[in-house]
Amino acid sequence: MLVASYLVGFDSKDTVRHLAVDNILPEQLQCLEIHLCSRGYGADGVSDIVDLMLLFPDAAAPCNIICLPSIPSNVVSHLLAGKSLQVMDFANGRKLSLLYPIDQQRCA
C-alpha cells in the first residue's frame, strides 16, 4: 500500500474539482475500486476522519492500493453526492475520473 499526499483543487466558485498527486497513479487505470474509509473522529470529537482508498487490482505493488489520508469533508461530500472528481498525477500526466457509487457503503 502506498500512502500519498495530495492537493485539493477548486474552481472560482470554491467547488471541489480535483485532487492533485505526484507520481503515484499506475499505468493501468481501467480496473479500479474506490472506498471511503472512516477511521474515527478528529480532535474536535465531531468531524469524521475519512481516507480515500483507490484499489488497482491489475497494478504492481505498492501502487495497487493507494491511500489518500484525511480527505477534507467537502471532498467527501462531493463524492457522496455522486459528483465526479478528477485525480491528476503531476509527474506523468495521468488523469483519472472518480465517481463514487451512491449505493456503496463506506468502510468501517
N, C-alpha and C. Protein backbone atom coordinates (compact mmCIF):
# COMPACT_ATOMS: atom_id res chain seq x y z
N MET A 1 0.84 -1.17 0.00
CA MET A 1 0.00 0.00 0.00
C MET A 1 0.89 1.24 0.00
N LEU A 2 0.44 2.22 -0.75
CA LEU A 2 1.13 3.49 -0.84
C LEU A 2 0.26 4.55 -0.19
N VAL A 3 0.77 5.24 0.82
CA VAL A 3 0.07 6.35 1.44
C VAL A 3 0.65 7.61 0.82
N ALA A 4 -0.23 8.42 0.22
CA ALA A 4 0.26 9.54 -0.59
C ALA A 4 -0.33 10.87 -0.14
N SER A 5 0.43 11.91 -0.38
CA SER A 5 -0.07 13.26 -0.13
C SER A 5 -0.79 13.74 -1.39
N TYR A 6 -1.57 14.79 -1.26
CA TYR A 6 -2.37 15.31 -2.36
C TYR A 6 -2.69 16.77 -2.11
N LEU A 7 -3.10 17.43 -3.17
CA LEU A 7 -3.61 18.80 -3.08
C LEU A 7 -5.04 18.79 -3.59
N VAL A 8 -5.91 19.58 -2.98
CA VAL A 8 -7.29 19.69 -3.42
C VAL A 8 -7.41 20.94 -4.29
N GLY A 9 -7.99 20.76 -5.49
CA GLY A 9 -8.18 21.89 -6.41
C GLY A 9 -9.64 22.32 -6.43
N PHE A 10 -9.84 23.63 -6.49
CA PHE A 10 -11.18 24.21 -6.51
C PHE A 10 -11.35 25.08 -7.75
N ASP A 11 -12.60 25.34 -8.14
CA ASP A 11 -12.85 26.29 -9.22
C ASP A 11 -13.10 27.67 -8.61
N SER A 12 -13.47 28.64 -9.44
CA SER A 12 -13.65 30.02 -8.98
C SER A 12 -14.83 30.19 -8.02
N LYS A 13 -15.70 29.19 -7.96
CA LYS A 13 -16.86 29.24 -7.05
C LYS A 13 -16.62 28.39 -5.80
N ASP A 14 -15.35 28.03 -5.54
CA ASP A 14 -14.96 27.21 -4.40
C ASP A 14 -15.60 25.82 -4.40
N THR A 15 -15.89 25.30 -5.59
CA THR A 15 -16.39 23.94 -5.74
C THR A 15 -15.20 23.01 -5.93
N VAL A 16 -15.21 21.89 -5.25
CA VAL A 16 -14.13 20.90 -5.39
C VAL A 16 -14.10 20.41 -6.83
N ARG A 17 -12.92 20.36 -7.44
CA ARG A 17 -12.78 19.92 -8.83
C ARG A 17 -11.83 18.75 -9.00
N HIS A 18 -10.72 18.73 -8.27
CA HIS A 18 -9.75 17.65 -8.48
C HIS A 18 -8.86 17.44 -7.25
N LEU A 19 -8.21 16.30 -7.26
CA LEU A 19 -7.13 16.01 -6.33
C LEU A 19 -5.86 15.89 -7.17
N ALA A 20 -4.82 16.56 -6.77
CA ALA A 20 -3.55 16.50 -7.49
C ALA A 20 -2.57 15.67 -6.67
N VAL A 21 -1.94 14.70 -7.34
CA VAL A 21 -0.96 13.82 -6.70
C VAL A 21 0.33 13.87 -7.51
N ASP A 22 1.37 13.23 -7.02
CA ASP A 22 2.64 13.27 -7.73
C ASP A 22 3.26 11.88 -7.81
N ASN A 23 3.24 11.32 -9.00
CA ASN A 23 3.93 10.07 -9.31
C ASN A 23 3.41 8.86 -8.53
N ILE A 24 2.08 8.73 -8.44
CA ILE A 24 1.54 7.57 -7.72
C ILE A 24 0.59 6.72 -8.56
N LEU A 25 -0.03 7.29 -9.59
CA LEU A 25 -1.01 6.52 -10.37
C LEU A 25 -0.31 5.48 -11.23
N PRO A 26 -0.79 4.24 -11.19
CA PRO A 26 -0.18 3.20 -12.01
C PRO A 26 -0.52 3.38 -13.49
N GLU A 27 0.19 2.68 -14.35
CA GLU A 27 -0.09 2.75 -15.79
C GLU A 27 -1.47 2.21 -16.11
N GLN A 28 -1.87 1.15 -15.44
CA GLN A 28 -3.17 0.51 -15.68
C GLN A 28 -4.24 1.21 -14.83
N LEU A 29 -5.11 1.99 -15.48
CA LEU A 29 -6.15 2.74 -14.75
C LEU A 29 -7.56 2.21 -15.00
N GLN A 30 -7.72 1.21 -15.86
CA GLN A 30 -9.05 0.76 -16.26
C GLN A 30 -9.80 0.06 -15.13
N CYS A 31 -9.15 -0.76 -14.36
CA CYS A 31 -9.80 -1.53 -13.30
C CYS A 31 -9.53 -0.84 -11.97
N LEU A 32 -10.58 -0.32 -11.35
CA LEU A 32 -10.42 0.48 -10.14
C LEU A 32 -11.59 0.28 -9.20
N GLU A 33 -11.29 0.18 -7.91
CA GLU A 33 -12.30 0.20 -6.86
C GLU A 33 -12.02 1.41 -5.99
N ILE A 34 -13.09 2.07 -5.54
CA ILE A 34 -12.97 3.27 -4.71
C ILE A 34 -13.69 3.00 -3.39
N HIS A 35 -13.03 3.35 -2.29
CA HIS A 35 -13.65 3.19 -0.97
C HIS A 35 -13.35 4.41 -0.12
N LEU A 36 -14.35 4.88 0.61
CA LEU A 36 -14.16 5.90 1.63
C LEU A 36 -14.15 5.17 2.97
N CYS A 37 -13.07 5.28 3.70
CA CYS A 37 -12.91 4.53 4.95
C CYS A 37 -12.80 5.48 6.13
N SER A 38 -13.77 5.39 7.02
CA SER A 38 -13.77 6.21 8.23
C SER A 38 -12.86 5.57 9.26
N ARG A 39 -12.07 6.39 9.93
CA ARG A 39 -11.20 5.85 10.98
C ARG A 39 -11.34 6.60 12.29
N GLY A 40 -12.53 7.11 12.55
CA GLY A 40 -12.78 7.75 13.85
C GLY A 40 -13.04 9.23 13.71
N TYR A 41 -13.00 9.89 14.84
CA TYR A 41 -13.29 11.31 14.88
C TYR A 41 -12.04 12.11 15.18
N GLY A 42 -12.03 13.34 14.67
CA GLY A 42 -10.90 14.23 14.86
C GLY A 42 -10.81 14.75 16.28
N ALA A 43 -9.86 15.63 16.51
CA ALA A 43 -9.63 16.20 17.84
C ALA A 43 -10.85 16.95 18.37
N ASP A 44 -11.68 17.47 17.45
CA ASP A 44 -12.88 18.19 17.90
C ASP A 44 -13.99 17.25 18.36
N GLY A 45 -13.82 15.95 18.13
CA GLY A 45 -14.81 14.97 18.55
C GLY A 45 -16.06 14.92 17.68
N VAL A 46 -16.09 15.75 16.65
CA VAL A 46 -17.27 15.83 15.79
C VAL A 46 -16.96 15.40 14.36
N SER A 47 -15.88 15.93 13.78
CA SER A 47 -15.58 15.64 12.38
C SER A 47 -15.03 14.23 12.21
N ASP A 48 -15.55 13.58 11.20
CA ASP A 48 -15.16 12.23 10.86
C ASP A 48 -13.87 12.28 10.04
N ILE A 49 -12.88 11.44 10.39
CA ILE A 49 -11.65 11.35 9.61
C ILE A 49 -11.87 10.25 8.57
N VAL A 50 -11.75 10.62 7.30
CA VAL A 50 -12.05 9.69 6.21
C VAL A 50 -10.85 9.61 5.27
N ASP A 51 -10.47 8.37 4.93
CA ASP A 51 -9.41 8.14 3.95
C ASP A 51 -10.05 7.68 2.65
N LEU A 52 -9.47 8.11 1.54
CA LEU A 52 -9.91 7.65 0.22
C LEU A 52 -8.96 6.55 -0.22
N MET A 53 -9.50 5.36 -0.43
CA MET A 53 -8.71 4.22 -0.86
C MET A 53 -8.98 3.95 -2.34
N LEU A 54 -7.93 3.85 -3.13
CA LEU A 54 -8.01 3.53 -4.55
C LEU A 54 -7.34 2.17 -4.73
N LEU A 55 -8.09 1.19 -5.21
CA LEU A 55 -7.56 -0.16 -5.39
C LEU A 55 -7.47 -0.47 -6.88
N PHE A 56 -6.27 -0.79 -7.33
CA PHE A 56 -5.99 -1.14 -8.72
C PHE A 56 -5.52 -2.59 -8.74
N PRO A 57 -6.42 -3.58 -8.90
CA PRO A 57 -6.03 -4.98 -8.81
C PRO A 57 -5.02 -5.43 -9.87
N ASP A 58 -4.96 -4.74 -11.00
CA ASP A 58 -4.04 -5.13 -12.07
C ASP A 58 -2.68 -4.46 -11.97
N ALA A 59 -2.49 -3.58 -10.99
CA ALA A 59 -1.23 -2.83 -10.86
C ALA A 59 -0.27 -3.57 -9.93
N ALA A 60 1.01 -3.28 -10.09
CA ALA A 60 2.03 -3.85 -9.22
C ALA A 60 2.09 -3.08 -7.90
N ALA A 61 2.47 -3.77 -6.84
CA ALA A 61 2.65 -3.13 -5.53
C ALA A 61 3.81 -2.15 -5.62
N PRO A 62 3.81 -1.06 -4.92
CA PRO A 62 2.85 -0.64 -3.93
C PRO A 62 1.68 0.16 -4.50
N CYS A 63 1.66 0.40 -5.81
CA CYS A 63 0.62 1.25 -6.41
C CYS A 63 -0.70 0.52 -6.65
N ASN A 64 -0.82 -0.72 -6.19
CA ASN A 64 -2.09 -1.42 -6.35
C ASN A 64 -3.12 -0.98 -5.31
N ILE A 65 -2.64 -0.46 -4.19
CA ILE A 65 -3.52 0.12 -3.17
C ILE A 65 -2.94 1.48 -2.80
N ILE A 66 -3.73 2.51 -3.03
CA ILE A 66 -3.29 3.88 -2.73
C ILE A 66 -4.24 4.47 -1.70
N CYS A 67 -3.68 5.00 -0.64
CA CYS A 67 -4.47 5.66 0.40
C CYS A 67 -4.19 7.16 0.37
N LEU A 68 -5.25 7.93 0.19
CA LEU A 68 -5.16 9.38 0.32
C LEU A 68 -5.81 9.70 1.67
N PRO A 69 -4.97 9.96 2.70
CA PRO A 69 -5.48 10.06 4.07
C PRO A 69 -6.16 11.39 4.38
N SER A 70 -7.07 11.32 5.34
CA SER A 70 -7.73 12.51 5.90
C SER A 70 -8.29 13.44 4.83
N ILE A 71 -9.13 12.88 3.97
CA ILE A 71 -9.76 13.68 2.91
C ILE A 71 -10.65 14.74 3.56
N PRO A 72 -10.56 16.00 3.13
CA PRO A 72 -11.41 17.05 3.71
C PRO A 72 -12.90 16.74 3.54
N SER A 73 -13.70 17.23 4.46
CA SER A 73 -15.14 16.93 4.46
C SER A 73 -15.83 17.41 3.19
N ASN A 74 -15.37 18.52 2.60
CA ASN A 74 -16.02 18.99 1.37
C ASN A 74 -15.74 18.05 0.19
N VAL A 75 -14.61 17.36 0.19
CA VAL A 75 -14.31 16.37 -0.85
C VAL A 75 -15.16 15.12 -0.63
N VAL A 76 -15.29 14.70 0.63
CA VAL A 76 -16.14 13.55 0.95
C VAL A 76 -17.58 13.83 0.53
N SER A 77 -18.09 15.01 0.87
CA SER A 77 -19.46 15.40 0.50
C SER A 77 -19.64 15.40 -1.01
N HIS A 78 -18.63 15.91 -1.72
CA HIS A 78 -18.65 15.95 -3.18
C HIS A 78 -18.80 14.53 -3.75
N LEU A 79 -18.00 13.60 -3.25
CA LEU A 79 -18.06 12.23 -3.74
C LEU A 79 -19.38 11.55 -3.36
N LEU A 80 -19.83 11.75 -2.13
CA LEU A 80 -21.07 11.12 -1.68
C LEU A 80 -22.30 11.69 -2.39
N ALA A 81 -22.17 12.89 -2.96
CA ALA A 81 -23.26 13.48 -3.73
C ALA A 81 -23.32 12.92 -5.15
N GLY A 82 -22.40 12.02 -5.48
CA GLY A 82 -22.39 11.41 -6.81
C GLY A 82 -21.74 12.26 -7.88
N LYS A 83 -20.96 13.25 -7.46
CA LYS A 83 -20.28 14.13 -8.42
C LYS A 83 -18.91 13.56 -8.78
N SER A 84 -18.51 13.78 -10.01
CA SER A 84 -17.23 13.30 -10.50
C SER A 84 -16.08 14.12 -9.90
N LEU A 85 -14.99 13.44 -9.61
CA LEU A 85 -13.79 14.09 -9.07
C LEU A 85 -12.59 13.56 -9.85
N GLN A 86 -11.81 14.46 -10.38
CA GLN A 86 -10.64 14.05 -11.16
C GLN A 86 -9.41 13.95 -10.27
N VAL A 87 -8.62 12.90 -10.47
CA VAL A 87 -7.31 12.76 -9.83
C VAL A 87 -6.29 12.98 -10.93
N MET A 88 -5.42 13.96 -10.73
CA MET A 88 -4.39 14.30 -11.73
C MET A 88 -3.01 14.02 -11.13
N ASP A 89 -2.19 13.31 -11.89
CA ASP A 89 -0.84 12.99 -11.47
C ASP A 89 0.13 13.93 -12.18
N PHE A 90 0.76 14.82 -11.41
CA PHE A 90 1.67 15.81 -11.99
C PHE A 90 2.85 15.19 -12.72
N ALA A 91 3.43 14.13 -12.17
CA ALA A 91 4.67 13.58 -12.70
C ALA A 91 4.52 12.96 -14.08
N ASN A 92 3.41 12.25 -14.31
CA ASN A 92 3.29 11.53 -15.57
C ASN A 92 2.09 11.95 -16.41
N GLY A 93 1.32 12.93 -15.95
CA GLY A 93 0.20 13.44 -16.74
C GLY A 93 -1.03 12.55 -16.76
N ARG A 94 -1.02 11.47 -15.99
CA ARG A 94 -2.19 10.59 -15.98
C ARG A 94 -3.35 11.27 -15.26
N LYS A 95 -4.55 11.01 -15.77
CA LYS A 95 -5.76 11.56 -15.16
C LYS A 95 -6.76 10.44 -14.96
N LEU A 96 -7.46 10.52 -13.87
CA LEU A 96 -8.43 9.51 -13.51
C LEU A 96 -9.68 10.21 -13.00
N SER A 97 -10.82 9.85 -13.53
CA SER A 97 -12.07 10.43 -13.08
C SER A 97 -12.76 9.47 -12.12
N LEU A 98 -12.98 9.93 -10.89
CA LEU A 98 -13.62 9.10 -9.87
C LEU A 98 -15.09 9.44 -9.78
N LEU A 99 -15.91 8.41 -9.69
CA LEU A 99 -17.33 8.58 -9.45
C LEU A 99 -17.69 7.55 -8.39
N TYR A 100 -18.00 8.03 -7.20
CA TYR A 100 -18.28 7.14 -6.08
C TYR A 100 -19.68 6.57 -6.23
N PRO A 101 -19.82 5.25 -6.21
CA PRO A 101 -21.14 4.64 -6.35
C PRO A 101 -22.04 5.03 -5.19
N ILE A 102 -23.19 5.61 -5.48
CA ILE A 102 -24.11 6.10 -4.46
C ILE A 102 -24.54 4.97 -3.52
N ASP A 103 -24.73 3.77 -4.04
CA ASP A 103 -25.22 2.67 -3.23
C ASP A 103 -24.13 1.95 -2.44
N GLN A 104 -22.87 2.38 -2.61
CA GLN A 104 -21.76 1.72 -1.92
C GLN A 104 -21.68 2.19 -0.47
N GLN A 105 -21.48 1.27 0.42
CA GLN A 105 -21.32 1.60 1.84
C GLN A 105 -19.89 2.05 2.11
N ARG A 106 -19.73 2.95 3.07
CA ARG A 106 -18.40 3.35 3.47
C ARG A 106 -17.78 2.28 4.36
N CYS A 107 -16.45 2.20 4.34
CA CYS A 107 -15.74 1.25 5.22
C CYS A 107 -15.95 1.66 6.67
N ALA A 108 -15.84 0.69 7.55
CA ALA A 108 -15.95 0.99 8.99
C ALA A 108 -14.59 1.28 9.55
